[in-house]
N, C-alpha and C. Protein backbone atom coordinates (compact mmCIF):
# COMPACT_ATOMS: atom_id res chain seq x y z
N MET A 1 66.20 -82.98 -81.57
CA MET A 1 65.68 -83.52 -80.32
C MET A 1 65.74 -82.43 -79.25
N ALA A 2 64.66 -82.24 -78.50
CA ALA A 2 64.60 -81.21 -77.47
C ALA A 2 65.30 -81.70 -76.20
N LEU A 3 66.01 -80.77 -75.57
CA LEU A 3 66.75 -81.07 -74.35
C LEU A 3 66.47 -79.97 -73.35
N GLU A 4 66.33 -80.35 -72.07
CA GLU A 4 66.27 -79.37 -70.99
C GLU A 4 67.46 -79.64 -70.09
N ILE A 5 68.23 -78.60 -69.82
CA ILE A 5 69.39 -78.73 -68.95
C ILE A 5 69.30 -77.65 -67.87
N ASN A 6 69.59 -78.05 -66.65
CA ASN A 6 69.55 -77.13 -65.50
C ASN A 6 70.95 -77.05 -64.93
N LEU A 7 71.46 -75.82 -64.81
CA LEU A 7 72.85 -75.62 -64.43
C LEU A 7 72.98 -74.68 -63.25
N VAL A 8 74.03 -74.89 -62.48
CA VAL A 8 74.50 -73.94 -61.48
C VAL A 8 75.71 -73.26 -62.11
N VAL A 9 75.62 -71.96 -62.27
CA VAL A 9 76.68 -71.18 -62.92
C VAL A 9 77.39 -70.38 -61.84
N ARG A 10 78.72 -70.51 -61.79
CA ARG A 10 79.51 -69.75 -60.82
C ARG A 10 80.51 -68.88 -61.56
N GLY A 11 80.78 -67.72 -60.96
CA GLY A 11 81.75 -66.80 -61.54
C GLY A 11 81.33 -65.37 -61.25
N THR A 12 81.71 -64.47 -62.13
CA THR A 12 81.27 -63.08 -62.05
C THR A 12 79.96 -63.02 -62.82
N VAL A 13 78.85 -63.29 -62.10
CA VAL A 13 77.57 -63.48 -62.78
C VAL A 13 76.42 -62.66 -62.18
N GLN A 14 76.67 -61.90 -61.14
CA GLN A 14 75.64 -61.02 -60.60
C GLN A 14 76.13 -59.58 -60.65
N LYS A 15 75.19 -58.66 -60.90
CA LYS A 15 75.47 -57.22 -61.02
C LYS A 15 76.30 -56.91 -62.26
N VAL A 16 76.30 -57.84 -63.25
CA VAL A 16 77.07 -57.64 -64.49
C VAL A 16 76.24 -57.97 -65.73
N MET A 17 74.92 -57.97 -65.59
CA MET A 17 74.00 -58.21 -66.71
C MET A 17 74.11 -59.62 -67.29
N PHE A 18 74.56 -60.58 -66.48
CA PHE A 18 74.70 -61.96 -66.96
C PHE A 18 73.36 -62.54 -67.39
N ARG A 19 72.32 -62.39 -66.56
CA ARG A 19 71.03 -63.01 -66.88
C ARG A 19 70.50 -62.51 -68.22
N GLN A 20 70.54 -61.20 -68.43
CA GLN A 20 70.07 -60.66 -69.70
C GLN A 20 70.94 -61.17 -70.85
N THR A 21 72.24 -61.19 -70.66
CA THR A 21 73.15 -61.62 -71.72
C THR A 21 72.87 -63.06 -72.14
N VAL A 22 72.75 -63.97 -71.19
CA VAL A 22 72.56 -65.38 -71.54
C VAL A 22 71.15 -65.64 -72.08
N VAL A 23 70.15 -64.99 -71.53
CA VAL A 23 68.78 -65.20 -72.02
C VAL A 23 68.63 -64.66 -73.44
N ARG A 24 69.21 -63.52 -73.73
CA ARG A 24 69.14 -62.97 -75.10
C ARG A 24 69.95 -63.82 -76.08
N ALA A 25 71.07 -64.35 -75.64
CA ALA A 25 71.85 -65.25 -76.50
C ALA A 25 71.03 -66.50 -76.84
N ALA A 26 70.34 -67.04 -75.84
CA ALA A 26 69.48 -68.20 -76.07
C ALA A 26 68.36 -67.87 -77.06
N GLN A 27 67.74 -66.71 -76.89
CA GLN A 27 66.68 -66.28 -77.81
C GLN A 27 67.18 -66.25 -79.25
N ARG A 28 68.36 -65.68 -79.43
CA ARG A 28 68.90 -65.52 -80.79
C ARG A 28 69.08 -66.85 -81.51
N ILE A 29 69.34 -67.93 -80.75
CA ILE A 29 69.53 -69.22 -81.42
C ILE A 29 68.32 -70.14 -81.25
N GLY A 30 67.20 -69.59 -80.83
CA GLY A 30 65.94 -70.33 -80.80
C GLY A 30 65.72 -71.20 -79.57
N LEU A 31 66.41 -70.91 -78.47
CA LEU A 31 66.22 -71.65 -77.23
C LEU A 31 65.35 -70.88 -76.27
N LYS A 32 64.74 -71.60 -75.34
CA LYS A 32 64.11 -70.98 -74.17
C LYS A 32 65.15 -71.00 -73.07
N ALA A 33 65.18 -69.94 -72.26
CA ALA A 33 66.14 -69.88 -71.17
C ALA A 33 65.52 -69.16 -69.99
N GLY A 34 65.92 -69.60 -68.79
CA GLY A 34 65.54 -68.93 -67.56
C GLY A 34 66.76 -68.82 -66.67
N ALA A 35 66.90 -67.68 -65.99
CA ALA A 35 68.06 -67.45 -65.12
C ALA A 35 67.62 -66.73 -63.86
N SER A 36 68.21 -67.12 -62.73
CA SER A 36 67.87 -66.52 -61.44
C SER A 36 69.13 -66.32 -60.61
N ASN A 37 69.27 -65.11 -60.05
CA ASN A 37 70.32 -64.84 -59.09
C ASN A 37 69.99 -65.55 -57.78
N MET A 38 71.01 -65.99 -57.08
CA MET A 38 70.85 -66.58 -55.76
C MET A 38 71.34 -65.58 -54.73
N ARG A 39 70.43 -65.10 -53.89
CA ARG A 39 70.76 -64.07 -52.90
C ARG A 39 71.81 -64.54 -51.90
N TYR A 40 71.84 -65.82 -51.59
CA TYR A 40 72.76 -66.34 -50.59
C TYR A 40 74.20 -66.46 -51.11
N ASP A 41 74.40 -66.27 -52.42
CA ASP A 41 75.74 -66.41 -53.00
C ASP A 41 75.82 -65.54 -54.25
N ARG A 42 76.53 -64.43 -54.17
CA ARG A 42 76.62 -63.47 -55.28
C ARG A 42 77.43 -63.97 -56.46
N SER A 43 78.06 -65.12 -56.32
CA SER A 43 78.83 -65.68 -57.43
C SER A 43 78.07 -66.82 -58.11
N LEU A 44 76.76 -66.91 -57.87
CA LEU A 44 75.98 -68.04 -58.36
C LEU A 44 74.69 -67.59 -59.03
N VAL A 45 74.41 -68.20 -60.18
CA VAL A 45 73.14 -68.04 -60.89
C VAL A 45 72.67 -69.42 -61.29
N LYS A 46 71.37 -69.67 -61.15
CA LYS A 46 70.78 -70.91 -61.65
C LYS A 46 70.24 -70.64 -63.04
N LEU A 47 70.46 -71.60 -63.94
CA LEU A 47 70.14 -71.41 -65.36
C LEU A 47 69.45 -72.65 -65.90
N THR A 48 68.40 -72.43 -66.69
CA THR A 48 67.72 -73.50 -67.41
C THR A 48 67.77 -73.18 -68.89
N LEU A 49 68.16 -74.15 -69.70
CA LEU A 49 68.15 -74.02 -71.16
C LEU A 49 67.28 -75.13 -71.74
N ILE A 50 66.42 -74.77 -72.69
CA ILE A 50 65.49 -75.74 -73.28
C ILE A 50 65.47 -75.54 -74.79
N GLY A 51 65.62 -76.64 -75.53
CA GLY A 51 65.51 -76.55 -76.98
C GLY A 51 66.35 -77.60 -77.67
N ASP A 52 66.68 -77.31 -78.92
CA ASP A 52 67.47 -78.21 -79.75
C ASP A 52 68.77 -78.59 -79.04
N GLU A 53 69.03 -79.88 -78.94
CA GLU A 53 70.18 -80.40 -78.20
C GLU A 53 71.50 -79.78 -78.67
N ASP A 54 71.70 -79.69 -79.99
CA ASP A 54 72.94 -79.13 -80.51
C ASP A 54 73.10 -77.66 -80.12
N LYS A 55 72.02 -76.92 -80.17
CA LYS A 55 72.09 -75.49 -79.81
C LYS A 55 72.30 -75.30 -78.31
N VAL A 56 71.69 -76.15 -77.48
CA VAL A 56 71.93 -76.09 -76.04
C VAL A 56 73.41 -76.32 -75.78
N HIS A 57 73.98 -77.36 -76.40
CA HIS A 57 75.40 -77.66 -76.19
C HIS A 57 76.29 -76.53 -76.72
N GLU A 58 75.88 -75.91 -77.81
CA GLU A 58 76.62 -74.77 -78.37
C GLU A 58 76.69 -73.62 -77.35
N LEU A 59 75.56 -73.31 -76.73
CA LEU A 59 75.54 -72.22 -75.75
C LEU A 59 76.31 -72.60 -74.48
N VAL A 60 76.18 -73.83 -74.04
CA VAL A 60 76.93 -74.28 -72.85
C VAL A 60 78.44 -74.19 -73.13
N THR A 61 78.86 -74.57 -74.33
CA THR A 61 80.28 -74.47 -74.70
C THR A 61 80.73 -73.02 -74.67
N ALA A 62 79.92 -72.12 -75.21
CA ALA A 62 80.28 -70.69 -75.20
C ALA A 62 80.38 -70.16 -73.76
N LEU A 63 79.46 -70.57 -72.91
CA LEU A 63 79.49 -70.13 -71.51
C LEU A 63 80.73 -70.67 -70.80
N SER A 64 81.16 -71.86 -71.17
CA SER A 64 82.29 -72.53 -70.53
C SER A 64 83.65 -72.02 -71.00
N SER A 65 83.65 -71.13 -71.97
CA SER A 65 84.92 -70.71 -72.59
C SER A 65 85.84 -69.93 -71.66
N GLY A 66 85.28 -69.34 -70.59
CA GLY A 66 86.09 -68.52 -69.69
C GLY A 66 86.29 -67.10 -70.19
N LYS A 67 85.73 -66.79 -71.36
CA LYS A 67 85.85 -65.44 -71.93
C LYS A 67 84.79 -64.52 -71.34
N LYS A 68 85.06 -63.21 -71.40
CA LYS A 68 84.04 -62.24 -70.99
C LYS A 68 82.84 -62.37 -71.91
N LEU A 69 81.65 -62.35 -71.30
CA LEU A 69 80.42 -62.54 -72.06
C LEU A 69 79.78 -61.22 -72.46
N ASN A 70 80.18 -60.15 -71.78
CA ASN A 70 79.65 -58.83 -72.12
C ASN A 70 80.63 -57.76 -71.64
N SER A 71 80.31 -56.51 -71.96
CA SER A 71 81.20 -55.39 -71.64
C SER A 71 81.21 -55.04 -70.16
N TRP A 72 80.35 -55.65 -69.37
CA TRP A 72 80.33 -55.41 -67.92
C TRP A 72 81.17 -56.43 -67.17
N GLY A 73 81.79 -57.36 -67.89
CA GLY A 73 82.72 -58.30 -67.28
C GLY A 73 82.12 -59.60 -66.78
N ALA A 74 80.95 -59.98 -67.26
CA ALA A 74 80.39 -61.28 -66.87
C ALA A 74 81.29 -62.40 -67.37
N VAL A 75 81.68 -63.29 -66.45
CA VAL A 75 82.56 -64.42 -66.78
C VAL A 75 82.11 -65.64 -65.99
N VAL A 76 81.98 -66.77 -66.67
CA VAL A 76 81.63 -68.02 -66.02
C VAL A 76 82.93 -68.73 -65.63
N LYS A 77 83.02 -69.10 -64.35
CA LYS A 77 84.18 -69.86 -63.86
C LYS A 77 83.89 -71.35 -63.87
N SER A 78 82.63 -71.74 -63.59
CA SER A 78 82.28 -73.16 -63.61
C SER A 78 80.79 -73.34 -63.88
N LEU A 79 80.48 -74.48 -64.47
CA LEU A 79 79.10 -74.91 -64.72
C LEU A 79 78.95 -76.31 -64.15
N GLU A 80 77.87 -76.53 -63.41
CA GLU A 80 77.58 -77.85 -62.85
C GLU A 80 76.11 -78.15 -63.09
N GLU A 81 75.78 -79.43 -63.19
CA GLU A 81 74.39 -79.82 -63.27
C GLU A 81 73.71 -79.46 -61.95
N ASP A 82 72.51 -78.91 -62.03
CA ASP A 82 71.77 -78.46 -60.84
C ASP A 82 70.92 -79.60 -60.31
N SER A 83 71.21 -80.05 -59.10
CA SER A 83 70.46 -81.15 -58.50
C SER A 83 69.14 -80.69 -57.88
N ASP A 84 68.96 -79.37 -57.75
CA ASP A 84 67.73 -78.82 -57.18
C ASP A 84 67.29 -77.63 -58.04
N PRO A 85 66.88 -77.91 -59.28
CA PRO A 85 66.63 -76.82 -60.23
C PRO A 85 65.36 -76.01 -59.93
N ILE A 86 65.37 -74.78 -60.44
CA ILE A 86 64.20 -73.92 -60.43
C ILE A 86 63.39 -74.24 -61.69
N PRO A 87 62.10 -74.48 -61.58
CA PRO A 87 61.30 -74.70 -62.80
C PRO A 87 61.41 -73.49 -63.73
N TYR A 88 61.45 -73.77 -65.02
CA TYR A 88 61.65 -72.72 -66.02
C TYR A 88 60.75 -71.50 -65.77
N ASP A 89 59.47 -71.72 -65.58
CA ASP A 89 58.52 -70.60 -65.46
C ASP A 89 58.62 -69.86 -64.13
N GLN A 90 59.48 -70.33 -63.22
CA GLN A 90 59.65 -69.63 -61.94
C GLN A 90 60.97 -68.85 -61.87
N HIS A 91 61.74 -68.87 -62.95
CA HIS A 91 62.98 -68.10 -62.97
C HIS A 91 62.66 -66.60 -62.96
N GLN A 92 63.60 -65.82 -62.44
CA GLN A 92 63.45 -64.36 -62.39
C GLN A 92 63.41 -63.76 -63.80
N VAL A 93 64.27 -64.27 -64.67
CA VAL A 93 64.35 -63.78 -66.05
C VAL A 93 64.20 -64.97 -66.98
N THR A 94 63.29 -64.85 -67.95
CA THR A 94 63.08 -65.90 -68.95
C THR A 94 63.02 -65.26 -70.34
N THR A 95 63.02 -66.12 -71.35
CA THR A 95 62.87 -65.59 -72.70
C THR A 95 61.52 -64.92 -72.89
N GLU A 96 60.53 -65.27 -72.07
CA GLU A 96 59.22 -64.64 -72.19
C GLU A 96 59.15 -63.27 -71.51
N ASN A 97 59.93 -63.04 -70.45
CA ASN A 97 59.79 -61.76 -69.73
C ASN A 97 61.01 -60.83 -69.84
N VAL A 98 62.04 -61.23 -70.54
CA VAL A 98 63.27 -60.43 -70.59
C VAL A 98 63.01 -59.01 -71.10
N ASP A 99 62.09 -58.85 -72.04
CA ASP A 99 61.82 -57.52 -72.59
C ASP A 99 60.95 -56.66 -71.68
N GLN A 100 60.37 -57.24 -70.65
CA GLN A 100 59.53 -56.48 -69.72
C GLN A 100 60.34 -55.87 -68.58
N ARG A 101 61.62 -56.20 -68.51
CA ARG A 101 62.47 -55.70 -67.43
C ARG A 101 63.15 -54.41 -67.86
N ASN A 102 63.52 -53.62 -66.89
CA ASN A 102 64.16 -52.33 -67.14
C ASN A 102 65.68 -52.50 -67.06
N TRP A 103 66.29 -52.97 -68.13
CA TRP A 103 67.73 -53.23 -68.17
C TRP A 103 68.50 -51.97 -68.49
N ASN A 104 69.71 -51.87 -68.01
CA ASN A 104 70.60 -50.80 -68.39
C ASN A 104 70.98 -51.01 -69.86
N PRO A 105 70.78 -49.99 -70.70
CA PRO A 105 71.06 -50.18 -72.13
C PRO A 105 72.55 -50.11 -72.47
N ASN A 106 73.40 -49.78 -71.51
CA ASN A 106 74.81 -49.58 -71.80
C ASN A 106 75.63 -50.84 -71.59
N VAL A 107 75.21 -51.92 -72.20
CA VAL A 107 75.95 -53.18 -72.12
C VAL A 107 76.08 -53.74 -73.55
N GLU A 108 77.29 -54.14 -73.89
CA GLU A 108 77.53 -54.81 -75.17
C GLU A 108 77.66 -56.30 -74.88
N MET A 109 76.86 -57.10 -75.60
CA MET A 109 76.85 -58.55 -75.37
C MET A 109 77.70 -59.24 -76.41
N TYR A 110 78.58 -60.14 -75.95
CA TYR A 110 79.51 -60.83 -76.83
C TYR A 110 79.05 -62.24 -77.21
N LEU A 111 78.03 -62.77 -76.56
CA LEU A 111 77.53 -64.11 -76.89
C LEU A 111 76.71 -64.07 -78.16
């Protein structure tokens, strides 16, 4: 069954390759994902996950673990349902455009 979930992610999530890390993790397990930094709060990213319900929950559980997500120190402190979500296709980074961005190659992803 397909599920769409919109989250507010707080923690060390900007300037640490979080968006690339989570979008690529979603790609690997067959989900669509979109992530956007919020300029007004450097500890906040909005995230959309779409796909198989079990896989969405698997990724949400991994994000909620409190563990470092990559070698740059991305860590999620909290996840909340987003009451004012960004539509998937309007996110800054999505599974469709992640490869078109100029990412720093010196990051190891743990997800």
